[in-house]
Amino acid sequence: MILPYCGSEFQKKFNTATLTRFYAIWFLFYDFVCGRAFVTEHRRLEGGSIVVLEWIWTKLKTVCDGDTIVVWNGFQDIRVRLAWIDAPEDGQPFCGYARDTLMRILESQDLCIRKLGEDCYGRWICQVQTVSGKDVSTEMLRSGWAFYYSPKHPSRNHEFVARSAIAEGLGLYAIEGYTKPWEKRKKKGLPC
């Protein structure tokens, strides 16, 4: 993607909010013309190195279950596993509730995704946000219809939200002895 160059003089003249609006308008234009947009976020780590995080604007196509969706990025369908959560599998009690909750959270068809990796089935493991800025995994944890699950990419924020749902006894946390989805997969001998 071609970004307009904004030299240091331009950056000195305008504050961060103005630059953010400028780039947001540029990405909307690019999305309109090309059918998809990338938003690149730069974060400086404590050691001074810079990490580049790439967000992709997509359109929701299907909600498969409580933690898997299919999105269209303008070129292909992408099967996405929501990062930091694990919802009931098909055949488990309350699978429908988890799926319905996810459908309610994804009120708009436009989503921003950030790929963190891939699982053993080839699904992208992604942080997913609605265009209104809601983190979808956080909302699922807050509702209590998904468990905190993060074998590779831990998140203290999501773990904290899950602990709050446990303390309040929401959704699945209100049911004693409920088999966690990863335990069910392990019993079946599934890889992930």
N, C-alpha and C. Protein backbone atom coordinates (compact mmCIF):
# COMPACT_ATOMS: atom_id res chain seq x y z
N MET A 1 0.84 -1.18 0.00
CA MET A 1 0.00 0.00 0.00
C MET A 1 0.88 1.24 0.00
N ILE A 2 0.50 2.24 -0.74
CA ILE A 2 1.26 3.47 -0.82
C ILE A 2 0.70 4.46 0.19
N LEU A 3 1.56 4.91 1.08
CA LEU A 3 1.15 5.91 2.07
C LEU A 3 1.64 7.28 1.64
N PRO A 4 0.83 8.31 1.85
CA PRO A 4 1.33 9.65 1.54
C PRO A 4 2.44 10.01 2.52
N TYR A 5 3.49 10.66 2.02
CA TYR A 5 4.60 11.01 2.89
C TYR A 5 4.28 12.31 3.62
N CYS A 6 4.43 12.28 4.91
CA CYS A 6 4.24 13.49 5.72
C CYS A 6 5.56 13.78 6.40
N GLY A 7 6.29 14.73 5.89
CA GLY A 7 7.60 15.05 6.43
C GLY A 7 7.54 15.65 7.82
N SER A 8 8.70 15.89 8.40
CA SER A 8 8.77 16.37 9.77
C SER A 8 8.14 17.75 9.93
N GLU A 9 8.20 18.59 8.89
CA GLU A 9 7.57 19.92 8.98
C GLU A 9 6.06 19.78 9.13
N PHE A 10 5.49 18.86 8.36
CA PHE A 10 4.05 18.60 8.45
C PHE A 10 3.69 18.09 9.84
N GLN A 11 4.52 17.18 10.37
CA GLN A 11 4.25 16.61 11.68
C GLN A 11 4.41 17.64 12.79
N LYS A 12 5.30 18.61 12.62
CA LYS A 12 5.48 19.66 13.63
C LYS A 12 4.26 20.59 13.65
N LYS A 13 3.66 20.83 12.46
CA LYS A 13 2.53 21.74 12.37
C LYS A 13 1.26 21.17 13.00
N PHE A 14 1.07 19.87 12.88
CA PHE A 14 -0.18 19.25 13.30
C PHE A 14 0.03 18.32 14.49
N ASN A 15 -0.94 18.28 15.37
CA ASN A 15 -0.83 17.39 16.53
C ASN A 15 -1.17 15.95 16.14
N THR A 16 -1.03 15.04 17.08
CA THR A 16 -1.24 13.62 16.81
C THR A 16 -2.67 13.33 16.38
N ALA A 17 -3.65 13.98 17.00
CA ALA A 17 -5.04 13.74 16.64
C ALA A 17 -5.32 14.11 15.19
N THR A 18 -4.75 15.22 14.73
CA THR A 18 -4.94 15.64 13.34
C THR A 18 -4.29 14.64 12.39
N LEU A 19 -3.10 14.20 12.72
CA LEU A 19 -2.42 13.19 11.89
C LEU A 19 -3.22 11.89 11.85
N THR A 20 -3.76 11.50 13.00
CA THR A 20 -4.55 10.28 13.06
C THR A 20 -5.77 10.40 12.15
N ARG A 21 -6.45 11.54 12.20
CA ARG A 21 -7.61 11.76 11.33
C ARG A 21 -7.20 11.74 9.86
N PHE A 22 -6.05 12.38 9.56
CA PHE A 22 -5.56 12.40 8.18
C PHE A 22 -5.34 10.98 7.66
N TYR A 23 -4.64 10.17 8.45
CA TYR A 23 -4.39 8.80 8.02
C TYR A 23 -5.66 7.97 7.97
N ALA A 24 -6.60 8.20 8.89
CA ALA A 24 -7.87 7.47 8.87
C ALA A 24 -8.62 7.78 7.56
N ILE A 25 -8.64 9.04 7.15
CA ILE A 25 -9.30 9.41 5.90
C ILE A 25 -8.57 8.78 4.72
N TRP A 26 -7.24 8.76 4.77
CA TRP A 26 -6.46 8.14 3.69
C TRP A 26 -6.79 6.65 3.59
N PHE A 27 -6.89 5.96 4.74
CA PHE A 27 -7.19 4.53 4.70
C PHE A 27 -8.61 4.28 4.20
N LEU A 28 -9.57 5.14 4.55
CA LEU A 28 -10.93 4.99 4.04
C LEU A 28 -10.94 5.15 2.53
N PHE A 29 -10.19 6.14 2.02
CA PHE A 29 -10.09 6.34 0.58
C PHE A 29 -9.47 5.11 -0.07
N TYR A 30 -8.38 4.62 0.51
CA TYR A 30 -7.70 3.44 -0.04
C TYR A 30 -8.63 2.24 -0.03
N ASP A 31 -9.39 2.07 1.06
CA ASP A 31 -10.34 0.96 1.17
C ASP A 31 -11.39 1.07 0.09
N PHE A 32 -11.87 2.28 -0.16
CA PHE A 32 -12.89 2.49 -1.17
C PHE A 32 -12.35 2.14 -2.56
N VAL A 33 -11.15 2.57 -2.86
CA VAL A 33 -10.57 2.36 -4.19
C VAL A 33 -10.11 0.91 -4.39
N CYS A 34 -9.45 0.33 -3.40
CA CYS A 34 -8.83 -0.98 -3.56
C CYS A 34 -9.61 -2.14 -2.93
N GLY A 35 -10.60 -1.83 -2.11
CA GLY A 35 -11.38 -2.91 -1.52
C GLY A 35 -10.85 -3.43 -0.20
N ARG A 36 -9.71 -2.95 0.24
CA ARG A 36 -9.19 -3.36 1.53
C ARG A 36 -8.16 -2.34 2.00
N ALA A 37 -7.94 -2.30 3.28
CA ALA A 37 -6.98 -1.34 3.81
C ALA A 37 -6.15 -1.98 4.90
N PHE A 38 -4.94 -1.51 5.03
CA PHE A 38 -4.06 -1.92 6.11
C PHE A 38 -3.83 -0.72 7.00
N VAL A 39 -3.85 -0.93 8.27
CA VAL A 39 -3.52 0.13 9.21
C VAL A 39 -2.28 -0.36 9.93
N THR A 40 -1.21 0.36 9.84
CA THR A 40 0.02 -0.04 10.48
C THR A 40 0.21 0.76 11.75
N GLU A 41 0.46 0.06 12.83
CA GLU A 41 0.65 0.69 14.14
C GLU A 41 2.08 0.40 14.59
N HIS A 42 2.80 1.41 14.99
CA HIS A 42 4.18 1.25 15.46
C HIS A 42 4.19 1.42 16.98
N ARG A 43 4.80 0.47 17.68
CA ARG A 43 4.93 0.57 19.13
C ARG A 43 6.40 0.44 19.50
N ARG A 44 6.85 1.33 20.36
CA ARG A 44 8.23 1.29 20.83
C ARG A 44 8.28 0.47 22.11
N LEU A 45 9.14 -0.53 22.13
CA LEU A 45 9.32 -1.37 23.31
C LEU A 45 10.30 -0.71 24.27
N GLU A 46 10.38 -1.26 25.48
CA GLU A 46 11.25 -0.67 26.51
C GLU A 46 12.71 -0.59 26.06
N GLY A 47 13.19 -1.58 25.34
CA GLY A 47 14.57 -1.60 24.90
C GLY A 47 14.87 -0.64 23.76
N GLY A 48 13.83 0.03 23.23
CA GLY A 48 14.04 0.98 22.16
C GLY A 48 13.68 0.44 20.78
N SER A 49 13.49 -0.89 20.66
CA SER A 49 13.15 -1.43 19.35
C SER A 49 11.68 -1.14 19.04
N ILE A 50 11.35 -1.14 17.77
CA ILE A 50 10.00 -0.80 17.33
C ILE A 50 9.33 -2.05 16.77
N VAL A 51 8.08 -2.27 17.18
CA VAL A 51 7.29 -3.39 16.68
C VAL A 51 6.23 -2.83 15.75
N VAL A 52 6.06 -3.44 14.60
CA VAL A 52 5.04 -3.01 13.66
C VAL A 52 3.88 -3.99 13.73
N LEU A 53 2.69 -3.47 14.02
CA LEU A 53 1.48 -4.28 14.10
C LEU A 53 0.60 -3.90 12.92
N GLU A 54 0.17 -4.87 12.15
CA GLU A 54 -0.62 -4.57 10.97
C GLU A 54 -2.07 -4.99 11.20
N TRP A 55 -2.97 -4.04 11.09
CA TRP A 55 -4.41 -4.29 11.19
C TRP A 55 -4.97 -4.36 9.78
N ILE A 56 -5.86 -5.30 9.54
CA ILE A 56 -6.49 -5.45 8.23
C ILE A 56 -7.99 -5.19 8.40
N TRP A 57 -8.52 -4.31 7.57
CA TRP A 57 -9.96 -4.07 7.59
C TRP A 57 -10.63 -5.16 6.77
N THR A 58 -11.65 -5.80 7.35
CA THR A 58 -12.32 -6.91 6.69
C THR A 58 -13.83 -6.78 6.85
N LYS A 59 -14.55 -7.64 6.18
CA LYS A 59 -16.00 -7.71 6.31
C LYS A 59 -16.34 -9.10 6.85
N LEU A 60 -17.24 -9.13 7.83
CA LEU A 60 -17.69 -10.40 8.40
C LEU A 60 -18.51 -11.15 7.37
N LYS A 61 -18.22 -12.44 7.23
CA LYS A 61 -18.98 -13.27 6.31
C LYS A 61 -19.87 -14.24 7.09
N THR A 62 -19.28 -14.96 8.07
CA THR A 62 -20.01 -15.98 8.82
C THR A 62 -19.47 -16.08 10.24
N VAL A 63 -20.37 -16.38 11.17
CA VAL A 63 -19.96 -16.75 12.53
C VAL A 63 -20.11 -18.26 12.61
N CYS A 64 -19.00 -18.97 12.78
CA CYS A 64 -19.01 -20.44 12.80
C CYS A 64 -19.43 -20.98 14.16
N ASP A 65 -18.79 -20.46 15.21
CA ASP A 65 -19.15 -20.84 16.58
C ASP A 65 -18.75 -19.69 17.50
N GLY A 66 -18.61 -19.94 18.78
CA GLY A 66 -18.34 -18.87 19.73
C GLY A 66 -16.95 -18.28 19.67
N ASP A 67 -16.02 -18.89 18.93
CA ASP A 67 -14.66 -18.34 18.85
C ASP A 67 -14.07 -18.39 17.45
N THR A 68 -14.88 -18.68 16.43
CA THR A 68 -14.39 -18.76 15.06
C THR A 68 -15.33 -18.01 14.12
N ILE A 69 -14.75 -17.19 13.26
CA ILE A 69 -15.52 -16.46 12.25
C ILE A 69 -14.83 -16.59 10.90
N VAL A 70 -15.56 -16.27 9.85
CA VAL A 70 -14.98 -16.19 8.51
C VAL A 70 -15.15 -14.76 8.04
N VAL A 71 -14.05 -14.15 7.59
CA VAL A 71 -14.08 -12.77 7.10
C VAL A 71 -13.61 -12.73 5.65
N TRP A 72 -13.98 -11.66 4.96
CA TRP A 72 -13.56 -11.41 3.58
C TRP A 72 -12.65 -10.20 3.58
N ASN A 73 -11.44 -10.34 3.08
CA ASN A 73 -10.49 -9.22 3.10
C ASN A 73 -10.39 -8.51 1.76
N GLY A 74 -11.30 -8.77 0.86
CA GLY A 74 -11.27 -8.15 -0.45
C GLY A 74 -10.71 -9.05 -1.52
N PHE A 75 -10.01 -10.12 -1.10
CA PHE A 75 -9.41 -11.06 -2.04
C PHE A 75 -9.79 -12.50 -1.77
N GLN A 76 -9.96 -12.84 -0.49
CA GLN A 76 -10.22 -14.23 -0.13
C GLN A 76 -10.95 -14.31 1.20
N ASP A 77 -11.56 -15.47 1.45
CA ASP A 77 -12.13 -15.75 2.76
C ASP A 77 -11.01 -16.14 3.71
N ILE A 78 -11.06 -15.64 4.93
CA ILE A 78 -10.07 -15.99 5.94
C ILE A 78 -10.82 -16.55 7.14
N ARG A 79 -10.44 -17.75 7.54
CA ARG A 79 -11.03 -18.36 8.74
C ARG A 79 -10.22 -17.88 9.94
N VAL A 80 -10.90 -17.21 10.88
CA VAL A 80 -10.24 -16.55 12.00
C VAL A 80 -10.67 -17.16 13.32
N ARG A 81 -9.69 -17.53 14.13
CA ARG A 81 -9.92 -17.99 15.51
C ARG A 81 -9.62 -16.81 16.41
N LEU A 82 -10.59 -16.41 17.23
CA LEU A 82 -10.39 -15.27 18.12
C LEU A 82 -9.31 -15.58 19.14
N ALA A 83 -8.37 -14.69 19.28
CA ALA A 83 -7.27 -14.87 20.23
C ALA A 83 -7.79 -14.73 21.65
N TRP A 84 -7.16 -15.42 22.56
CA TRP A 84 -7.35 -15.31 24.01
C TRP A 84 -8.64 -15.91 24.54
N ILE A 85 -9.44 -16.56 23.70
CA ILE A 85 -10.66 -17.18 24.23
C ILE A 85 -10.84 -18.57 23.67
N ASP A 86 -11.64 -19.36 24.37
CA ASP A 86 -12.07 -20.67 23.90
C ASP A 86 -13.53 -20.82 24.30
N ALA A 87 -14.40 -20.98 23.33
CA ALA A 87 -15.84 -21.09 23.57
C ALA A 87 -16.26 -22.55 23.41
N PRO A 88 -17.45 -22.91 23.90
CA PRO A 88 -17.91 -24.29 23.78
C PRO A 88 -17.89 -24.80 22.34
N GLU A 89 -17.48 -26.06 22.20
CA GLU A 89 -17.41 -26.70 20.89
C GLU A 89 -18.80 -27.18 20.48
N ASP A 90 -18.97 -27.47 19.17
CA ASP A 90 -20.23 -28.05 18.71
C ASP A 90 -20.48 -29.34 19.49
N GLY A 91 -21.69 -29.51 19.95
CA GLY A 91 -22.03 -30.70 20.73
C GLY A 91 -21.93 -30.48 22.23
N GLN A 92 -21.24 -29.44 22.65
CA GLN A 92 -21.16 -29.12 24.07
C GLN A 92 -22.37 -28.29 24.46
N PRO A 93 -22.83 -28.41 25.70
CA PRO A 93 -23.94 -27.56 26.13
C PRO A 93 -23.56 -26.08 26.02
N PHE A 94 -24.52 -25.26 25.68
CA PHE A 94 -24.41 -23.80 25.60
C PHE A 94 -23.56 -23.31 24.42
N CYS A 95 -23.28 -24.18 23.47
CA CYS A 95 -22.55 -23.76 22.26
C CYS A 95 -23.36 -22.69 21.52
N GLY A 96 -24.66 -22.87 21.45
CA GLY A 96 -25.54 -21.92 20.76
C GLY A 96 -25.55 -20.55 21.43
N TYR A 97 -25.51 -20.54 22.77
CA TYR A 97 -25.47 -19.27 23.49
C TYR A 97 -24.19 -18.50 23.17
N ALA A 98 -23.08 -19.21 23.13
CA ALA A 98 -21.80 -18.56 22.82
C ALA A 98 -21.82 -17.99 21.40
N ARG A 99 -22.36 -18.76 20.45
CA ARG A 99 -22.43 -18.30 19.06
C ARG A 99 -23.35 -17.08 18.95
N ASP A 100 -24.50 -17.12 19.59
CA ASP A 100 -25.44 -15.99 19.55
C ASP A 100 -24.84 -14.74 20.18
N THR A 101 -24.10 -14.92 21.27
CA THR A 101 -23.45 -13.77 21.92
C THR A 101 -22.43 -13.15 20.98
N LEU A 102 -21.65 -13.98 20.30
CA LEU A 102 -20.66 -13.47 19.35
C LEU A 102 -21.35 -12.72 18.22
N MET A 103 -22.47 -13.24 17.73
CA MET A 103 -23.20 -12.56 16.66
C MET A 103 -23.71 -11.20 17.12
N ARG A 104 -24.16 -11.11 18.38
CA ARG A 104 -24.63 -9.82 18.92
C ARG A 104 -23.49 -8.82 19.05
N ILE A 105 -22.32 -9.29 19.47
CA ILE A 105 -21.16 -8.41 19.63
C ILE A 105 -20.71 -7.86 18.27
N LEU A 106 -20.78 -8.70 17.25
CA LEU A 106 -20.36 -8.30 15.90
C LEU A 106 -21.53 -7.62 15.18
N GLU A 107 -22.05 -6.57 15.80
CA GLU A 107 -23.24 -5.90 15.27
C GLU A 107 -22.99 -5.32 13.88
N SER A 108 -21.78 -4.91 13.62
CA SER A 108 -21.48 -4.37 12.28
C SER A 108 -20.78 -5.46 11.48
N GLN A 109 -20.80 -5.30 10.20
CA GLN A 109 -20.15 -6.27 9.32
C GLN A 109 -18.68 -5.94 9.10
N ASP A 110 -18.25 -4.74 9.50
CA ASP A 110 -16.87 -4.32 9.29
C ASP A 110 -16.04 -4.60 10.53
N LEU A 111 -14.89 -5.23 10.33
CA LEU A 111 -14.02 -5.60 11.45
C LEU A 111 -12.58 -5.26 11.11
N CYS A 112 -11.78 -5.04 12.14
CA CYS A 112 -10.32 -4.90 11.99
C CYS A 112 -9.70 -6.12 12.66
N ILE A 113 -8.81 -6.78 11.96
CA ILE A 113 -8.14 -7.95 12.54
C ILE A 113 -6.64 -7.74 12.53
N ARG A 114 -5.98 -8.33 13.53
CA ARG A 114 -4.51 -8.30 13.61
C ARG A 114 -4.05 -9.72 13.84
N LYS A 115 -3.33 -10.26 12.88
CA LYS A 115 -2.89 -11.66 12.93
C LYS A 115 -1.77 -11.83 13.94
N LEU A 116 -1.94 -12.81 14.83
CA LEU A 116 -0.91 -13.15 15.81
C LEU A 116 -0.19 -14.44 15.46
N GLY A 117 -0.83 -15.29 14.67
CA GLY A 117 -0.25 -16.58 14.30
C GLY A 117 -1.30 -17.44 13.62
N GLU A 118 -1.00 -18.73 13.53
CA GLU A 118 -1.95 -19.70 12.96
C GLU A 118 -2.04 -20.89 13.88
N ASP A 119 -3.22 -21.54 13.88
CA ASP A 119 -3.36 -22.75 14.69
C ASP A 119 -3.10 -23.98 13.82
N CYS A 120 -3.25 -25.15 14.40
CA CYS A 120 -2.92 -26.39 13.68
C CYS A 120 -3.88 -26.69 12.53
N TYR A 121 -5.02 -26.00 12.47
CA TYR A 121 -5.98 -26.20 11.38
C TYR A 121 -5.81 -25.16 10.27
N GLY A 122 -4.83 -24.28 10.40
CA GLY A 122 -4.60 -23.25 9.39
C GLY A 122 -5.43 -21.99 9.60
N ARG A 123 -6.20 -21.92 10.68
CA ARG A 123 -6.97 -20.70 10.95
C ARG A 123 -6.01 -19.63 11.47
N TRP A 124 -6.29 -18.38 11.10
CA TRP A 124 -5.52 -17.28 11.65
C TRP A 124 -5.97 -17.04 13.08
N ILE A 125 -5.02 -16.92 13.99
CA ILE A 125 -5.34 -16.50 15.36
C ILE A 125 -5.19 -14.99 15.37
N CYS A 126 -6.30 -14.30 15.63
CA CYS A 126 -6.30 -12.84 15.47
C CYS A 126 -6.94 -12.12 16.65
N GLN A 127 -6.44 -10.93 16.88
CA GLN A 127 -7.15 -9.98 17.71
C GLN A 127 -8.17 -9.33 16.78
N VAL A 128 -9.43 -9.30 17.20
CA VAL A 128 -10.50 -8.79 16.35
C VAL A 128 -11.18 -7.62 17.06
N GLN A 129 -11.38 -6.54 16.33
CA GLN A 129 -12.09 -5.37 16.86
C GLN A 129 -13.18 -4.96 15.89
N THR A 130 -14.29 -4.47 16.46
CA THR A 130 -15.32 -3.87 15.61
C THR A 130 -14.84 -2.48 15.23
N VAL A 131 -15.47 -1.88 14.23
CA VAL A 131 -15.05 -0.54 13.83
C VAL A 131 -15.35 0.49 14.90
N SER A 132 -16.25 0.16 15.83
CA SER A 132 -16.52 1.08 16.95
C SER A 132 -15.46 0.97 18.04
N GLY A 133 -14.50 0.04 17.87
CA GLY A 133 -13.38 -0.07 18.80
C GLY A 133 -13.52 -1.15 19.86
N LYS A 134 -14.58 -1.93 19.84
CA LYS A 134 -14.76 -3.01 20.83
C LYS A 134 -13.82 -4.17 20.51
N ASP A 135 -13.12 -4.64 21.51
CA ASP A 135 -12.32 -5.85 21.35
C ASP A 135 -13.26 -7.03 21.54
N VAL A 136 -13.41 -7.86 20.53
CA VAL A 136 -14.41 -8.92 20.52
C VAL A 136 -14.11 -9.98 21.59
N SER A 137 -12.85 -10.35 21.76
CA SER A 137 -12.50 -11.35 22.78
C SER A 137 -12.83 -10.84 24.18
N THR A 138 -12.55 -9.58 24.44
CA THR A 138 -12.86 -8.99 25.75
C THR A 138 -14.35 -9.05 26.02
N GLU A 139 -15.15 -8.73 25.01
CA GLU A 139 -16.61 -8.74 25.18
C GLU A 139 -17.13 -10.15 25.41
N MET A 140 -16.55 -11.14 24.73
CA MET A 140 -16.96 -12.53 24.96
C MET A 140 -16.61 -12.98 26.37
N LEU A 141 -15.43 -12.62 26.84
CA LEU A 141 -15.02 -12.96 28.21
C LEU A 141 -15.91 -12.25 29.23
N ARG A 142 -16.20 -10.98 28.98
CA ARG A 142 -17.03 -10.19 29.89
C ARG A 142 -18.43 -10.79 30.02
N SER A 143 -18.96 -11.35 28.92
CA SER A 143 -20.30 -11.94 28.94
C SER A 143 -20.31 -13.28 29.69
N GLY A 144 -19.14 -13.92 29.78
CA GLY A 144 -19.05 -15.21 30.47
C GLY A 144 -19.30 -16.41 29.56
N TRP A 145 -19.48 -16.19 28.26
CA TRP A 145 -19.75 -17.30 27.34
C TRP A 145 -18.50 -17.81 26.63
N ALA A 146 -17.34 -17.44 27.13
CA ALA A 146 -16.07 -17.97 26.62
C ALA A 146 -15.08 -18.02 27.79
N PHE A 147 -14.16 -18.94 27.71
CA PHE A 147 -13.11 -19.07 28.72
C PHE A 147 -11.84 -18.39 28.23
N TYR A 148 -11.05 -17.88 29.17
CA TYR A 148 -9.73 -17.35 28.81
C TYR A 148 -8.85 -18.53 28.43
N TYR A 149 -8.22 -18.45 27.25
CA TYR A 149 -7.38 -19.54 26.76
C TYR A 149 -6.29 -18.92 25.90
N SER A 150 -5.06 -19.06 26.33
CA SER A 150 -3.97 -18.46 25.58
C SER A 150 -2.68 -19.24 25.76
N PRO A 151 -2.55 -20.35 25.06
CA PRO A 151 -1.33 -21.14 25.21
C PRO A 151 -0.07 -20.48 24.65
N LYS A 152 -0.21 -19.61 23.63
CA LYS A 152 0.97 -19.03 22.98
C LYS A 152 1.12 -17.53 23.14
N HIS A 153 0.01 -16.81 23.29
CA HIS A 153 0.04 -15.35 23.32
C HIS A 153 -0.69 -14.83 24.55
N PRO A 154 -0.07 -14.88 25.73
CA PRO A 154 -0.77 -14.45 26.94
C PRO A 154 -1.15 -12.98 26.92
N SER A 155 -2.25 -12.66 27.59
CA SER A 155 -2.73 -11.28 27.67
C SER A 155 -3.25 -11.03 29.08
N ARG A 156 -2.57 -10.17 29.81
CA ARG A 156 -2.99 -9.86 31.18
C ARG A 156 -4.37 -9.19 31.22
N ASN A 157 -4.64 -8.34 30.23
CA ASN A 157 -5.94 -7.65 30.20
C ASN A 157 -7.09 -8.64 30.06
N HIS A 158 -6.96 -9.59 29.14
CA HIS A 158 -8.01 -10.57 28.93
C HIS A 158 -8.15 -11.50 30.12
N GLU A 159 -7.03 -11.85 30.73
CA GLU A 159 -7.07 -12.69 31.92
C GLU A 159 -7.80 -11.98 33.05
N PHE A 160 -7.57 -10.68 33.20
CA PHE A 160 -8.23 -9.89 34.23
C PHE A 160 -9.75 -9.86 34.00
N VAL A 161 -10.17 -9.66 32.75
CA VAL A 161 -11.60 -9.63 32.42
C VAL A 161 -12.24 -10.99 32.73
N ALA A 162 -11.53 -12.07 32.41
CA ALA A 162 -12.05 -13.41 32.70
C ALA A 162 -12.19 -13.63 34.21
N ARG A 163 -11.22 -13.17 34.98
CA ARG A 163 -11.31 -13.31 36.44
C ARG A 163 -12.50 -12.53 37.00
N SER A 164 -12.80 -11.38 36.41
CA SER A 164 -13.97 -10.60 36.83
C SER A 164 -15.25 -11.37 36.55
N ALA A 165 -15.33 -12.02 35.38
CA ALA A 165 -16.52 -12.81 35.03
C ALA A 165 -16.67 -14.01 35.95
N ILE A 166 -15.53 -14.62 36.34
CA ILE A 166 -15.56 -15.75 37.28
C ILE A 166 -16.09 -15.28 38.62
N ALA A 167 -15.58 -14.14 39.09
CA ALA A 167 -15.99 -13.61 40.39
C ALA A 167 -17.49 -13.28 40.41
N GLU A 168 -18.03 -12.82 39.28
CA GLU A 168 -19.45 -12.48 39.21
C GLU A 168 -20.32 -13.69 38.88
N GLY A 169 -19.70 -14.81 38.51
CA GLY A 169 -20.45 -16.02 38.18
C GLY A 169 -21.29 -15.87 36.92
N LEU A 170 -20.73 -15.28 35.88
CA LEU A 170 -21.48 -15.04 34.65
C LEU A 170 -21.39 -16.21 33.68
N GLY A 171 -22.44 -16.43 32.91
CA GLY A 171 -22.44 -17.41 31.82
C GLY A 171 -21.96 -18.78 32.22
N LEU A 172 -20.93 -19.25 31.53
CA LEU A 172 -20.39 -20.60 31.76
C LEU A 172 -19.77 -20.74 33.15
N TYR A 173 -19.35 -19.63 33.74
CA TYR A 173 -18.70 -19.69 35.05
C TYR A 173 -19.71 -19.98 36.17
N ALA A 174 -21.00 -19.86 35.86
CA ALA A 174 -22.04 -20.15 36.86
C ALA A 174 -22.34 -21.65 36.93
N ILE A 175 -21.80 -22.42 35.98
CA ILE A 175 -22.09 -23.85 35.90
C ILE A 175 -20.94 -24.64 36.49
N GLU A 176 -21.20 -25.33 37.59
CA GLU A 176 -20.13 -26.12 38.22
C GLU A 176 -19.85 -27.37 37.40
N GLY A 177 -18.59 -27.71 37.28
CA GLY A 177 -18.18 -28.94 36.61
C GLY A 177 -18.28 -28.89 35.09
N TYR A 178 -18.42 -27.71 34.51
CA TYR A 178 -18.50 -27.61 33.05
C TYR A 178 -17.15 -27.98 32.45
N THR A 179 -17.17 -28.87 31.47
CA THR A 179 -15.93 -29.31 30.82
C THR A 179 -15.42 -28.20 29.89
N LYS A 180 -14.22 -27.77 30.13
CA LYS A 180 -13.61 -26.72 29.31
C LYS A 180 -13.40 -27.27 27.89
N PRO A 181 -13.55 -26.41 26.87
CA PRO A 181 -13.41 -26.88 25.49
C PRO A 181 -12.06 -27.55 25.20
N TRP A 182 -10.96 -27.02 25.75
CA TRP A 182 -9.64 -27.62 25.49
C TRP A 182 -9.52 -28.98 26.16
N GLU A 183 -10.22 -29.19 27.28
CA GLU A 183 -10.22 -30.50 27.92
C GLU A 183 -10.98 -31.51 27.07
N LYS A 184 -12.10 -31.07 26.47
CA LYS A 184 -12.87 -31.95 25.60
C LYS A 184 -12.05 -32.36 24.38
N ARG A 185 -11.33 -31.39 23.78
CA ARG A 185 -10.49 -31.70 22.61
C ARG A 185 -9.39 -32.68 22.99
N LYS A 186 -8.81 -32.50 24.18
CA LYS A 186 -7.74 -33.37 24.64
C LYS A 186 -8.25 -34.80 24.82
N LYS A 187 -9.47 -34.95 25.37
CA LYS A 187 -10.06 -36.28 25.55
C LYS A 187 -10.31 -36.96 24.21
N LYS A 188 -10.69 -36.16 23.20
CA LYS A 188 -10.94 -36.70 21.87
C LYS A 188 -9.65 -36.99 21.09
N GLY A 189 -8.53 -36.48 21.61
CA GLY A 189 -7.24 -36.68 20.95
C GLY A 189 -7.00 -35.71 19.80
N LEU A 190 -7.71 -34.58 19.79
CA LEU A 190 -7.52 -33.58 18.75
C LEU A 190 -6.26 -32.76 19.04
N PRO A 191 -5.55 -32.32 18.01
CA PRO A 191 -4.25 -31.66 18.20
C PRO A 191 -4.31 -30.28 18.85
N CYS A 192 -5.35 -29.50 18.60
CA CYS A 192 -5.40 -28.17 19.22
C CYS A 192 -6.83 -27.69 19.37
